Amino acid sequence: MKIRLAIIAFILSVFAISSCKQPQALQYRDITNIQLRDLSLKPAIGLDVLLYNPNGYSVTVKGADIGVWINNKHIGDAELAKSTTVPGLDSFIVPVRLNADLSGIFGNAYSLLSNKEVDVRLQGSVKAGKGVFINVPINWSGRKKLNVFEFDK
């Protein structure tokens, strides 16, 4: 009898786990509020990343491993400023801090200082979930106008 109950419980738990829907990946929408926050040998750039949660439930975004390229030159790696809980089926802003590499910035100095549009690429992942966290891929490229003259106050 106990063996039969254990088998039934195992089959029901496998069925319950397999019927759970895999969370959908967060969708990139835009980058806004790009500001140079610290002008030093290791400059820090703040930016807000607008994402959309296509899931019908809220998720927490708590980690990031995102490389940033401008005009195909790696300029640094981004990290989340803080963990954020986001509602389901809604857009949200994640504040990101980019720890820049001077060689990538110097290679793009004219484009950055002239305020022209540049090719931007984000590639990596964010850690998101509800209880169980998974790495959600972020792969985006497009053209953006960067304003490096707006310093954070």
C-alpha atoms as a PDB file:
ATOM      1  CA  MET A   1       0.000   0.000   0.000  1.00  0.00           C
ATOM      2  CA  LYS A   2       2.786   2.467   0.934  1.00  0.00           C
ATOM      3  CA  ILE A   3       4.653   1.662  -2.271  1.00  0.00           C
ATOM      4  CA  ARG A   4       1.531   2.287  -4.333  1.00  0.00           C
ATOM      5  CA  LEU A   5       0.955   5.670  -2.608  1.00  0.00           C
ATOM      6  CA  ALA A   6       4.617   6.622  -3.183  1.00  0.00           C
ATOM      7  CA  ILE A   7       4.356   5.751  -6.889  1.00  0.00           C
ATOM      8  CA  ILE A   8       1.126   7.744  -7.250  1.00  0.00           C
ATOM      9  CA  ALA A   9       2.671  10.716  -5.407  1.00  0.00           C
ATOM     10  CA  PHE A  10       5.753  10.534  -7.641  1.00  0.00           C
ATOM     11  CA  ILE A  11       3.666  10.418 -10.841  1.00  0.00           C
ATOM     12  CA  LEU A  12       1.513  13.341  -9.663  1.00  0.00           C
ATOM     13  CA  SER A  13       4.564  15.423  -8.747  1.00  0.00           C
ATOM     14  CA  VAL A  14       6.222  14.718 -12.130  1.00  0.00           C
ATOM     15  CA  PHE A  15       2.976  15.700 -13.869  1.00  0.00           C
ATOM     16  CA  ALA A  16       2.672  18.888 -11.777  1.00  0.00           C
ATOM     17  CA  ILE A  17       6.267  19.910 -12.481  1.00  0.00           C
ATOM     18  CA  SER A  18       6.016  19.190 -16.192  1.00  0.00           C
ATOM     19  CA  SER A  19       2.769  21.146 -16.498  1.00  0.00           C
ATOM     20  CA  CYS A  20       4.345  24.267 -14.983  1.00  0.00           C
ATOM     21  CA  LYS A  21       5.003  26.803 -17.662  1.00  0.00           C
ATOM     22  CA  GLN A  22       8.596  27.921 -18.197  1.00  0.00           C
ATOM     23  CA  PRO A  23       8.851  31.676 -17.514  1.00  0.00           C
ATOM     24  CA  GLN A  24       9.101  33.755 -20.676  1.00  0.00           C
ATOM     25  CA  ALA A  25      12.201  35.867 -21.185  1.00  0.00           C
ATOM     26  CA  LEU A  26      12.031  39.528 -20.258  1.00  0.00           C
ATOM     27  CA  GLN A  27      11.866  41.695 -23.363  1.00  0.00           C
ATOM     28  CA  TYR A  28      14.173  44.649 -23.957  1.00  0.00           C
ATOM     29  CA  ARG A  29      12.397  47.883 -24.910  1.00  0.00           C
ATOM     30  CA  ASP A  30      14.829  50.827 -24.629  1.00  0.00           C
ATOM     31  CA  ILE A  31      17.769  52.487 -22.885  1.00  0.00           C
ATOM     32  CA  THR A  32      17.101  55.876 -21.306  1.00  0.00           C
ATOM     33  CA  ASN A  33      18.713  58.384 -18.969  1.00  0.00           C
ATOM     34  CA  ILE A  34      22.340  57.722 -19.952  1.00  0.00           C
ATOM     35  CA  GLN A  35      24.626  59.785 -17.724  1.00  0.00           C
ATOM     36  CA  LEU A  36      28.313  59.938 -16.916  1.00  0.00           C
ATOM     37  CA  ARG A  37      28.365  59.530 -13.127  1.00  0.00           C
ATOM     38  CA  ASP A  38      32.073  59.478 -12.356  1.00  0.00           C
ATOM     39  CA  LEU A  39      34.840  60.879 -14.524  1.00  0.00           C
ATOM     40  CA  SER A  40      37.973  58.998 -13.460  1.00  0.00           C
ATOM     41  CA  LEU A  41      40.324  56.268 -14.656  1.00  0.00           C
ATOM     42  CA  LYS A  42      37.418  53.830 -14.226  1.00  0.00           C
ATOM     43  CA  PRO A  43      34.448  55.948 -15.325  1.00  0.00           C
ATOM     44  CA  ALA A  44      30.978  54.909 -14.219  1.00  0.00           C
ATOM     45  CA  ILE A  45      28.014  55.398 -16.506  1.00  0.00           C
ATOM     46  CA  GLY A  46      24.455  55.193 -15.232  1.00  0.00           C
ATOM     47  CA  LEU A  47      21.609  54.187 -17.469  1.00  0.00           C
ATOM     48  CA  ASP A  48      18.069  52.952 -17.171  1.00  0.00           C
ATOM     49  CA  VAL A  49      17.057  49.855 -19.110  1.00  0.00           C
ATOM     50  CA  LEU A  50      13.371  49.604 -19.963  1.00  0.00           C
ATOM     51  CA  LEU A  51      12.179  45.980 -20.004  1.00  0.00           C
ATOM     52  CA  TYR A  52       8.809  44.270 -20.368  1.00  0.00           C
ATOM     53  CA  ASN A  53       7.667  41.286 -18.290  1.00  0.00           C
ATOM     54  CA  PRO A  54       5.495  39.099 -20.596  1.00  0.00           C
ATOM     55  CA  ASN A  55       4.623  36.723 -17.738  1.00  0.00           C
ATOM     56  CA  GLY A  56       1.281  36.981 -15.970  1.00  0.00           C
ATOM     57  CA  TYR A  57       3.009  37.147 -12.593  1.00  0.00           C
ATOM     58  CA  SER A  58       5.584  39.380 -10.959  1.00  0.00           C
ATOM     59  CA  VAL A  59       9.273  38.469 -11.029  1.00  0.00           C
ATOM     60  CA  THR A  60      12.315  39.767  -9.196  1.00  0.00           C
ATOM     61  CA  VAL A  61      15.365  40.850 -11.181  1.00  0.00           C
ATOM     62  CA  LYS A  62      18.396  40.578  -8.942  1.00  0.00           C
ATOM     63  CA  GLY A  63      21.596  40.147 -10.909  1.00  0.00           C
ATOM     64  CA  ALA A  64      23.121  40.954 -14.261  1.00  0.00           C
ATOM     65  CA  ASP A  65      26.063  39.992 -16.412  1.00  0.00           C
ATOM     66  CA  ILE A  66      25.749  42.262 -19.432  1.00  0.00           C
ATOM     67  CA  GLY A  67      28.543  43.380 -21.737  1.00  0.00           C
ATOM     68  CA  VAL A  68      28.100  46.723 -23.499  1.00  0.00           C
ATOM     69  CA  TRP A  69      29.591  47.563 -26.893  1.00  0.00           C
ATOM     70  CA  ILE A  70      29.583  50.920 -28.675  1.00  0.00           C
ATOM     71  CA  ASN A  71      30.503  50.896 -32.359  1.00  0.00           C
ATOM     72  CA  ASN A  72      31.639  47.264 -31.947  1.00  0.00           C
ATOM     73  CA  LYS A  73      34.143  48.141 -29.184  1.00  0.00           C
ATOM     74  CA  HIS A  74      33.586  46.663 -25.743  1.00  0.00           C
ATOM     75  CA  ILE A  75      33.280  49.581 -23.334  1.00  0.00           C
ATOM     76  CA  GLY A  76      32.487  47.721 -20.129  1.00  0.00           C
ATOM     77  CA  ASP A  77      30.217  45.480 -18.127  1.00  0.00           C
ATOM     78  CA  ALA A  78      26.921  46.451 -16.543  1.00  0.00           C
ATOM     79  CA  GLU A  79      25.599  45.581 -13.100  1.00  0.00           C
ATOM     80  CA  LEU A  80      22.218  46.201 -11.521  1.00  0.00           C
ATOM     81  CA  ALA A  81      22.087  49.100  -9.095  1.00  0.00           C
ATOM     82  CA  LYS A  82      19.547  47.187  -6.966  1.00  0.00           C
ATOM     83  CA  SER A  83      17.226  44.207  -7.177  1.00  0.00           C
ATOM     84  CA  THR A  84      13.788  45.068  -8.509  1.00  0.00           C
ATOM     85  CA  THR A  85      10.425  43.307  -8.297  1.00  0.00           C
ATOM     86  CA  VAL A  86       8.345  43.899 -11.397  1.00  0.00           C
ATOM     87  CA  PRO A  87       4.645  43.297 -12.018  1.00  0.00           C
ATOM     88  CA  GLY A  88       3.401  40.839 -14.594  1.00  0.00           C
ATOM     89  CA  LEU A  89       2.453  42.010 -18.078  1.00  0.00           C
ATOM     90  CA  ASP A  90       4.036  45.405 -17.498  1.00  0.00           C
ATOM     91  CA  SER A  91       7.021  47.522 -18.508  1.00  0.00           C
ATOM     92  CA  PHE A  92       9.565  48.503 -15.892  1.00  0.00           C
ATOM     93  CA  ILE A  93      12.865  50.348 -15.550  1.00  0.00           C
ATOM     94  CA  VAL A  94      15.981  48.731 -14.156  1.00  0.00           C
ATOM     95  CA  PRO A  95      18.730  51.165 -13.104  1.00  0.00           C
ATOM     96  CA  VAL A  96      22.103  49.878 -14.317  1.00  0.00           C
ATOM     97  CA  ARG A  97      25.652  50.981 -13.547  1.00  0.00           C
ATOM     98  CA  LEU A  98      28.198  50.474 -16.303  1.00  0.00           C
ATOM     99  CA  ASN A  99      31.803  50.136 -15.200  1.00  0.00           C
ATOM    100  CA  ALA A 100      33.557  51.392 -18.283  1.00  0.00           C
ATOM    101  CA  ASP A 101      36.867  50.469 -19.870  1.00  0.00           C
ATOM    102  CA  LEU A 102      38.778  53.576 -20.993  1.00  0.00           C
ATOM    103  CA  SER A 103      40.171  51.921 -24.122  1.00  0.00           C
ATOM    104  CA  GLY A 104      36.635  51.325 -25.390  1.00  0.00           C
ATOM    105  CA  ILE A 105      35.601  54.863 -24.543  1.00  0.00           C
ATOM    106  CA  PHE A 106      38.659  56.488 -26.131  1.00  0.00           C
ATOM    107  CA  GLY A 107      38.052  54.500 -29.309  1.00  0.00           C
ATOM    108  CA  ASN A 108      34.606  56.099 -29.472  1.00  0.00           C
ATOM    109  CA  ALA A 109      35.550  59.552 -28.162  1.00  0.00           C
ATOM    110  CA  TYR A 110      34.578  61.505 -31.265  1.00  0.00           C
ATOM    111  CA  SER A 111      31.186  59.810 -31.586  1.00  0.00           C
ATOM    112  CA  LEU A 112      30.474  60.245 -27.880  1.00  0.00           C
ATOM    113  CA  LEU A 113      31.556  63.894 -27.684  1.00  0.00           C
ATOM    114  CA  SER A 114      29.848  64.934 -30.905  1.00  0.00           C
ATOM    115  CA  ASN A 115      26.527  63.553 -29.621  1.00  0.00           C
ATOM    116  CA  LYS A 116      26.021  61.550 -32.800  1.00  0.00           C
ATOM    117  CA  GLU A 117      24.105  58.326 -32.826  1.00  0.00           C
ATOM    118  CA  VAL A 118      26.217  55.270 -32.142  1.00  0.00           C
ATOM    119  CA  ASP A 119      25.706  51.538 -32.566  1.00  0.00           C
ATOM    120  CA  VAL A 120      24.985  50.020 -29.153  1.00  0.00           C
ATOM    121  CA  ARG A 121      24.952  46.306 -28.367  1.00  0.00           C
ATOM    122  CA  LEU A 122      23.959  44.643 -25.088  1.00  0.00           C
ATOM    123  CA  GLN A 123      24.781  40.993 -24.644  1.00  0.00           C
ATOM    124  CA  GLY A 124      24.542  38.850 -21.548  1.00  0.00           C
ATOM    125  CA  SER A 125      21.874  37.867 -19.067  1.00  0.00           C
ATOM    126  CA  VAL A 126      19.896  38.986 -16.054  1.00  0.00           C
ATOM    127  CA  LYS A 127      18.920  36.754 -13.158  1.00  0.00           C
ATOM    128  CA  ALA A 128      15.144  36.812 -12.778  1.00  0.00           C
ATOM    129  CA  GLY A 129      12.491  34.693 -11.159  1.00  0.00           C
ATOM    130  CA  LYS A 130      10.113  34.116  -8.320  1.00  0.00           C
ATOM    131  CA  GLY A 131      11.610  31.836  -5.711  1.00  0.00           C
ATOM    132  CA  VAL A 132      13.718  30.040  -8.315  1.00  0.00           C
ATOM    133  CA  PHE A 133      15.939  32.315 -10.397  1.00  0.00           C
ATOM    134  CA  ILE A 134      17.015  31.656 -13.962  1.00  0.00           C
ATOM    135  CA  ASN A 135      19.393  33.499 -16.266  1.00  0.00           C
ATOM    136  CA  VAL A 136      17.345  35.351 -18.870  1.00  0.00           C
ATOM    137  CA  PRO A 137      19.326  36.236 -22.002  1.00  0.00           C
ATOM    138  CA  ILE A 138      19.640  39.860 -23.105  1.00  0.00           C
ATOM    139  CA  ASN A 139      20.739  40.313 -26.719  1.00  0.00           C
ATOM    140  CA  TRP A 140      19.974  43.667 -28.265  1.00  0.00           C
ATOM    141  CA  SER A 141      21.603  45.984 -30.750  1.00  0.00           C
ATOM    142  CA  GLY A 142      20.493  49.268 -32.212  1.00  0.00           C
ATOM    143  CA  ARG A 143      21.374  52.926 -32.640  1.00  0.00           C
ATOM    144  CA  LYS A 144      21.182  55.399 -29.756  1.00  0.00           C
ATOM    145  CA  LYS A 145      22.060  59.049 -29.278  1.00  0.00           C
ATOM    146  CA  LEU A 146      24.183  59.333 -26.131  1.00  0.00           C
ATOM    147  CA  ASN A 147      24.451  62.512 -24.085  1.00  0.00           C
ATOM    148  CA  VAL A 148      27.698  62.334 -22.114  1.00  0.00           C
ATOM    149  CA  PHE A 149      27.407  65.918 -20.884  1.00  0.00           C
ATOM    150  CA  GLU A 150      24.616  65.233 -18.380  1.00  0.00           C
ATOM    151  CA  PHE A 151      26.408  64.534 -15.100  1.00  0.00           C
ATOM    152  CA  ASP A 152      24.594  62.943 -12.173  1.00  0.00           C
ATOM    153  CA  LYS A 153      24.118  65.505  -9.437  1.00  0.00           C
END
